[in-house]
């Protein structure tokens, strides 16, 4: 059974990645919402009654704010975060991927199909993608990269430590 480190949730606050059905003018986040988000970010399993006490509202008002933030796309969902090492993934790598001419969509599809690619962003510059992978060994890395190197050039860095875990943008 994997060791569960903590429960958290993803929050969408940036206008640049806001759902297309929601305009920036429809989203108003006040100081109470920020406090609510902050508390939920530190303890996603907190009871609504306890959350209400911490932010100074009634439980029904707090529940309604959570529903509103979810419907506006500010709170995207709740999830479990696990320790990859508990699943045997002892290495983490950052891979920059530069598709060969005419191969962009094929490389993107290949990356989507490989579960060890846990995150991938399309970027500007010489590389088209910057990806994060979880791996069991260096040989595992070689096996994964072999699935894309016929269509792309790659540059890999092994992660030594993570001094800053993924966190919320400033509230």
C-alpha atoms as a PDB file:
ATOM      1  CA  UNK A   1       0.000   0.000   0.000  1.00  0.00           C
ATOM      2  CA  UNK A   2       1.560   3.376  -0.926  1.00  0.00           C
ATOM      3  CA  UNK A   3       2.384   5.766   1.864  1.00  0.00           C
ATOM      4  CA  UNK A   4       0.058   8.786   1.690  1.00  0.00           C
ATOM      5  CA  UNK A   5       1.928  11.994   2.459  1.00  0.00           C
ATOM      6  CA  UNK A   6      -0.988  14.380   2.568  1.00  0.00           C
ATOM      7  CA  UNK A   7      -4.228  15.336   0.946  1.00  0.00           C
ATOM      8  CA  UNK A   8      -4.352  18.567  -1.012  1.00  0.00           C
ATOM      9  CA  UNK A   9      -6.229  20.162  -3.842  1.00  0.00           C
ATOM     10  CA  UNK A  10      -5.442  21.972  -7.050  1.00  0.00           C
ATOM     11  CA  UNK A  11      -6.488  25.551  -7.427  1.00  0.00           C
ATOM     12  CA  UNK A  12      -6.852  27.490 -10.622  1.00  0.00           C
ATOM     13  CA  UNK A  13      -6.247  31.184 -10.019  1.00  0.00           C
ATOM     14  CA  UNK A  14      -4.423  32.393 -13.095  1.00  0.00           C
ATOM     15  CA  UNK A  15      -6.374  34.226 -15.794  1.00  0.00           C
ATOM     16  CA  UNK A  16      -4.045  32.636 -18.346  1.00  0.00           C
ATOM     17  CA  UNK A  17      -5.302  29.147 -17.511  1.00  0.00           C
ATOM     18  CA  UNK A  18      -8.863  29.974 -16.517  1.00  0.00           C
ATOM     19  CA  UNK A  19     -11.548  27.756 -18.061  1.00  0.00           C
ATOM     20  CA  UNK A  20     -12.759  29.138 -21.378  1.00  0.00           C
ATOM     21  CA  UNK A  21     -16.373  29.285 -20.138  1.00  0.00           C
ATOM     22  CA  UNK A  22     -15.427  31.645 -17.317  1.00  0.00           C
ATOM     23  CA  UNK A  23     -14.234  35.188 -17.815  1.00  0.00           C
ATOM     24  CA  UNK A  24     -11.976  36.995 -15.358  1.00  0.00           C
ATOM     25  CA  UNK A  25     -14.793  39.438 -14.554  1.00  0.00           C
ATOM     26  CA  UNK A  26     -16.967  36.565 -13.267  1.00  0.00           C
ATOM     27  CA  UNK A  27     -14.376  35.549 -10.664  1.00  0.00           C
ATOM     28  CA  UNK A  28     -14.174  37.676  -7.559  1.00  0.00           C
ATOM     29  CA  UNK A  29     -12.047  36.357  -4.737  1.00  0.00           C
ATOM     30  CA  UNK A  30     -12.232  38.308  -1.503  1.00  0.00           C
ATOM     31  CA  UNK A  31     -10.154  38.059   1.687  1.00  0.00           C
ATOM     32  CA  UNK A  32     -12.447  35.368   3.133  1.00  0.00           C
ATOM     33  CA  UNK A  33     -12.085  33.253  -0.028  1.00  0.00           C
ATOM     34  CA  UNK A  34      -8.312  33.626   0.202  1.00  0.00           C
ATOM     35  CA  UNK A  35      -8.365  32.498   3.828  1.00  0.00           C
ATOM     36  CA  UNK A  36     -10.639  29.565   2.939  1.00  0.00           C
ATOM     37  CA  UNK A  37      -8.308  28.528   0.103  1.00  0.00           C
ATOM     38  CA  UNK A  38      -5.267  28.846   2.349  1.00  0.00           C
ATOM     39  CA  UNK A  39      -6.792  26.627   5.046  1.00  0.00           C
ATOM     40  CA  UNK A  40      -7.938  24.036   2.495  1.00  0.00           C
ATOM     41  CA  UNK A  41      -4.479  24.022   0.917  1.00  0.00           C
ATOM     42  CA  UNK A  42      -2.935  23.081   4.252  1.00  0.00           C
ATOM     43  CA  UNK A  43      -5.660  20.545   5.149  1.00  0.00           C
ATOM     44  CA  UNK A  44      -7.915  19.421   2.308  1.00  0.00           C
ATOM     45  CA  UNK A  45      -9.737  17.000   4.612  1.00  0.00           C
ATOM     46  CA  UNK A  46     -10.830  19.574   7.179  1.00  0.00           C
ATOM     47  CA  UNK A  47     -14.505  19.362   8.126  1.00  0.00           C
ATOM     48  CA  UNK A  48     -16.644  22.239   6.844  1.00  0.00           C
ATOM     49  CA  UNK A  49     -17.659  23.026  10.446  1.00  0.00           C
ATOM     50  CA  UNK A  50     -14.011  23.359  11.509  1.00  0.00           C
ATOM     51  CA  UNK A  51     -13.172  25.355   8.381  1.00  0.00           C
ATOM     52  CA  UNK A  52     -16.100  27.676   9.143  1.00  0.00           C
ATOM     53  CA  UNK A  53     -14.768  28.307  12.664  1.00  0.00           C
ATOM     54  CA  UNK A  54     -11.287  29.063  11.320  1.00  0.00           C
ATOM     55  CA  UNK A  55     -12.512  31.620   8.769  1.00  0.00           C
ATOM     56  CA  UNK A  56     -15.250  33.110  10.944  1.00  0.00           C
ATOM     57  CA  UNK A  57     -18.363  32.109   8.978  1.00  0.00           C
ATOM     58  CA  UNK A  58     -21.255  29.715   9.509  1.00  0.00           C
ATOM     59  CA  UNK A  59     -20.932  26.189   8.106  1.00  0.00           C
ATOM     60  CA  UNK A  60     -23.657  26.782   5.459  1.00  0.00           C
ATOM     61  CA  UNK A  61     -21.968  30.007   4.302  1.00  0.00           C
ATOM     62  CA  UNK A  62     -18.615  28.240   4.147  1.00  0.00           C
ATOM     63  CA  UNK A  63     -20.071  25.329   2.177  1.00  0.00           C
ATOM     64  CA  UNK A  64     -21.689  27.774  -0.242  1.00  0.00           C
ATOM     65  CA  UNK A  65     -18.364  29.588  -0.758  1.00  0.00           C
ATOM     66  CA  UNK A  66     -16.651  26.277  -1.505  1.00  0.00           C
ATOM     67  CA  UNK A  67     -19.399  25.393  -4.039  1.00  0.00           C
ATOM     68  CA  UNK A  68     -19.083  28.844  -5.654  1.00  0.00           C
ATOM     69  CA  UNK A  69     -15.288  28.578  -5.900  1.00  0.00           C
ATOM     70  CA  UNK A  70     -15.662  25.132  -7.465  1.00  0.00           C
ATOM     71  CA  UNK A  71     -18.288  26.285  -9.973  1.00  0.00           C
ATOM     72  CA  UNK A  72     -16.125  29.274 -10.927  1.00  0.00           C
ATOM     73  CA  UNK A  73     -13.178  26.938 -11.564  1.00  0.00           C
ATOM     74  CA  UNK A  74     -11.055  28.441  -8.792  1.00  0.00           C
ATOM     75  CA  UNK A  75     -11.004  25.165  -6.865  1.00  0.00           C
ATOM     76  CA  UNK A  76     -10.509  22.474  -9.478  1.00  0.00           C
ATOM     77  CA  UNK A  77     -10.723  19.416  -7.270  1.00  0.00           C
ATOM     78  CA  UNK A  78      -9.383  17.443  -4.345  1.00  0.00           C
ATOM     79  CA  UNK A  79      -6.747  14.742  -4.679  1.00  0.00           C
ATOM     80  CA  UNK A  80      -4.362  12.470  -2.801  1.00  0.00           C
ATOM     81  CA  UNK A  81      -0.645  13.109  -3.091  1.00  0.00           C
ATOM     82  CA  UNK A  82       1.526  10.050  -2.683  1.00  0.00           C
ATOM     83  CA  UNK A  83       5.220   9.492  -2.151  1.00  0.00           C
ATOM     84  CA  UNK A  84       6.546   8.165  -5.528  1.00  0.00           C
ATOM     85  CA  UNK A  85       9.395   6.359  -3.721  1.00  0.00           C
ATOM     86  CA  UNK A  86       6.785   4.252  -1.898  1.00  0.00           C
ATOM     87  CA  UNK A  87       5.761   2.977  -5.351  1.00  0.00           C
ATOM     88  CA  UNK A  88       9.356   2.209  -6.321  1.00  0.00           C
ATOM     89  CA  UNK A  89      10.068   5.410  -8.260  1.00  0.00           C
ATOM     90  CA  UNK A  90      13.420   6.353  -6.753  1.00  0.00           C
ATOM     91  CA  UNK A  91      14.481   8.801  -9.467  1.00  0.00           C
ATOM     92  CA  UNK A  92      12.912  11.895 -10.918  1.00  0.00           C
ATOM     93  CA  UNK A  93      14.028  13.542 -14.153  1.00  0.00           C
ATOM     94  CA  UNK A  94      13.296  16.735 -16.024  1.00  0.00           C
ATOM     95  CA  UNK A  95      13.424  16.183 -19.775  1.00  0.00           C
ATOM     96  CA  UNK A  96      13.458  18.900 -22.405  1.00  0.00           C
ATOM     97  CA  UNK A  97      12.011  17.611 -25.671  1.00  0.00           C
ATOM     98  CA  UNK A  98      12.604  19.143 -29.091  1.00  0.00           C
ATOM     99  CA  UNK A  99      10.516  17.373 -31.762  1.00  0.00           C
ATOM    100  CA  UNK A 100      12.063  16.844 -35.156  1.00  0.00           C
ATOM    101  CA  UNK A 101      10.465  18.811 -38.012  1.00  0.00           C
ATOM    102  CA  UNK A 102       6.891  17.703 -38.633  1.00  0.00           C
ATOM    103  CA  UNK A 103       6.805  15.486 -35.525  1.00  0.00           C
ATOM    104  CA  UNK A 104       5.301  17.856 -32.932  1.00  0.00           C
ATOM    105  CA  UNK A 105       1.853  16.248 -32.664  1.00  0.00           C
ATOM    106  CA  UNK A 106       3.246  12.713 -32.806  1.00  0.00           C
ATOM    107  CA  UNK A 107       5.709  13.478 -29.992  1.00  0.00           C
ATOM    108  CA  UNK A 108       2.960  15.064 -27.905  1.00  0.00           C
ATOM    109  CA  UNK A 109       0.796  11.953 -28.363  1.00  0.00           C
ATOM    110  CA  UNK A 110       3.709   9.654 -27.481  1.00  0.00           C
ATOM    111  CA  UNK A 111       4.331  11.614 -24.275  1.00  0.00           C
ATOM    112  CA  UNK A 112       0.614  11.414 -23.377  1.00  0.00           C
ATOM    113  CA  UNK A 113       0.695   7.615 -23.683  1.00  0.00           C
ATOM    114  CA  UNK A 114       3.719   7.103 -21.380  1.00  0.00           C
ATOM    115  CA  UNK A 115       2.514   7.116 -17.744  1.00  0.00           C
ATOM    116  CA  UNK A 116       5.953   7.904 -16.322  1.00  0.00           C
ATOM    117  CA  UNK A 117       5.571  11.393 -17.816  1.00  0.00           C
ATOM    118  CA  UNK A 118       3.662  12.868 -14.872  1.00  0.00           C
ATOM    119  CA  UNK A 119       3.781  16.455 -16.099  1.00  0.00           C
ATOM    120  CA  UNK A 120       4.507  18.112 -19.417  1.00  0.00           C
ATOM    121  CA  UNK A 121       4.323  21.757 -20.390  1.00  0.00           C
ATOM    122  CA  UNK A 122       4.573  23.220 -23.887  1.00  0.00           C
ATOM    123  CA  UNK A 123       7.063  26.093 -23.828  1.00  0.00           C
ATOM    124  CA  UNK A 124       8.588  28.727 -26.055  1.00  0.00           C
ATOM    125  CA  UNK A 125      12.225  28.610 -27.060  1.00  0.00           C
ATOM    126  CA  UNK A 126      14.350  25.875 -28.571  1.00  0.00           C
ATOM    127  CA  UNK A 127      12.501  23.044 -26.829  1.00  0.00           C
ATOM    128  CA  UNK A 128       8.789  22.522 -27.300  1.00  0.00           C
ATOM    129  CA  UNK A 129       8.163  20.520 -24.123  1.00  0.00           C
ATOM    130  CA  UNK A 130       9.568  20.370 -20.613  1.00  0.00           C
ATOM    131  CA  UNK A 131       8.507  17.192 -18.847  1.00  0.00           C
ATOM    132  CA  UNK A 132       8.785  15.603 -15.418  1.00  0.00           C
ATOM    133  CA  UNK A 133       9.192  11.840 -15.155  1.00  0.00           C
ATOM    134  CA  UNK A 134       9.251   9.407 -12.251  1.00  0.00           C
ATOM    135  CA  UNK A 135      11.609   6.484 -12.787  1.00  0.00           C
ATOM    136  CA  UNK A 136      12.726   3.268 -11.122  1.00  0.00           C
ATOM    137  CA  UNK A 137      16.303   3.375 -12.494  1.00  0.00           C
ATOM    138  CA  UNK A 138      18.568   4.897 -15.119  1.00  0.00           C
ATOM    139  CA  UNK A 139      17.783   1.887 -17.316  1.00  0.00           C
ATOM    140  CA  UNK A 140      14.098   2.732 -16.938  1.00  0.00           C
ATOM    141  CA  UNK A 141      14.928   6.254 -18.176  1.00  0.00           C
ATOM    142  CA  UNK A 142      16.651   4.785 -21.236  1.00  0.00           C
ATOM    143  CA  UNK A 143      13.587   2.627 -21.986  1.00  0.00           C
ATOM    144  CA  UNK A 144      11.242   5.632 -21.719  1.00  0.00           C
ATOM    145  CA  UNK A 145      13.373   7.970 -23.828  1.00  0.00           C
ATOM    146  CA  UNK A 146      13.742   5.304 -26.520  1.00  0.00           C
ATOM    147  CA  UNK A 147      10.004   5.715 -27.142  1.00  0.00           C
ATOM    148  CA  UNK A 148      10.421   9.369 -28.220  1.00  0.00           C
ATOM    149  CA  UNK A 149      14.004   9.748 -29.485  1.00  0.00           C
ATOM    150  CA  UNK A 150      13.133   8.549 -32.985  1.00  0.00           C
ATOM    151  CA  UNK A 151      10.906  11.646 -33.287  1.00  0.00           C
ATOM    152  CA  UNK A 152      12.653  14.149 -30.996  1.00  0.00           C
ATOM    153  CA  UNK A 153      15.917  15.262 -29.445  1.00  0.00           C
ATOM    154  CA  UNK A 154      15.945  15.159 -25.646  1.00  0.00           C
ATOM    155  CA  UNK A 155      18.037  16.678 -22.883  1.00  0.00           C
ATOM    156  CA  UNK A 156      17.689  15.133 -19.432  1.00  0.00           C
ATOM    157  CA  UNK A 157      18.520  16.330 -15.930  1.00  0.00           C
ATOM    158  CA  UNK A 158      18.182  14.026 -12.922  1.00  0.00           C
ATOM    159  CA  UNK A 159      16.498  15.752  -9.967  1.00  0.00           C
ATOM    160  CA  UNK A 160      18.701  15.691  -6.850  1.00  0.00           C
ATOM    161  CA  UNK A 161      16.272  17.327  -4.412  1.00  0.00           C
ATOM    162  CA  UNK A 162      13.075  19.353  -4.457  1.00  0.00           C
ATOM    163  CA  UNK A 163      13.676  22.374  -2.204  1.00  0.00           C
ATOM    164  CA  UNK A 164      10.238  23.788  -3.077  1.00  0.00           C
ATOM    165  CA  UNK A 165       7.339  21.379  -3.618  1.00  0.00           C
ATOM    166  CA  UNK A 166       4.520  22.443  -5.924  1.00  0.00           C
ATOM    167  CA  UNK A 167       2.591  25.140  -4.112  1.00  0.00           C
ATOM    168  CA  UNK A 168      -0.185  27.639  -4.593  1.00  0.00           C
ATOM    169  CA  UNK A 169       0.451  30.908  -6.382  1.00  0.00           C
ATOM    170  CA  UNK A 170       0.347  33.921  -4.045  1.00  0.00           C
ATOM    171  CA  UNK A 171      -3.177  34.486  -2.759  1.00  0.00           C
END
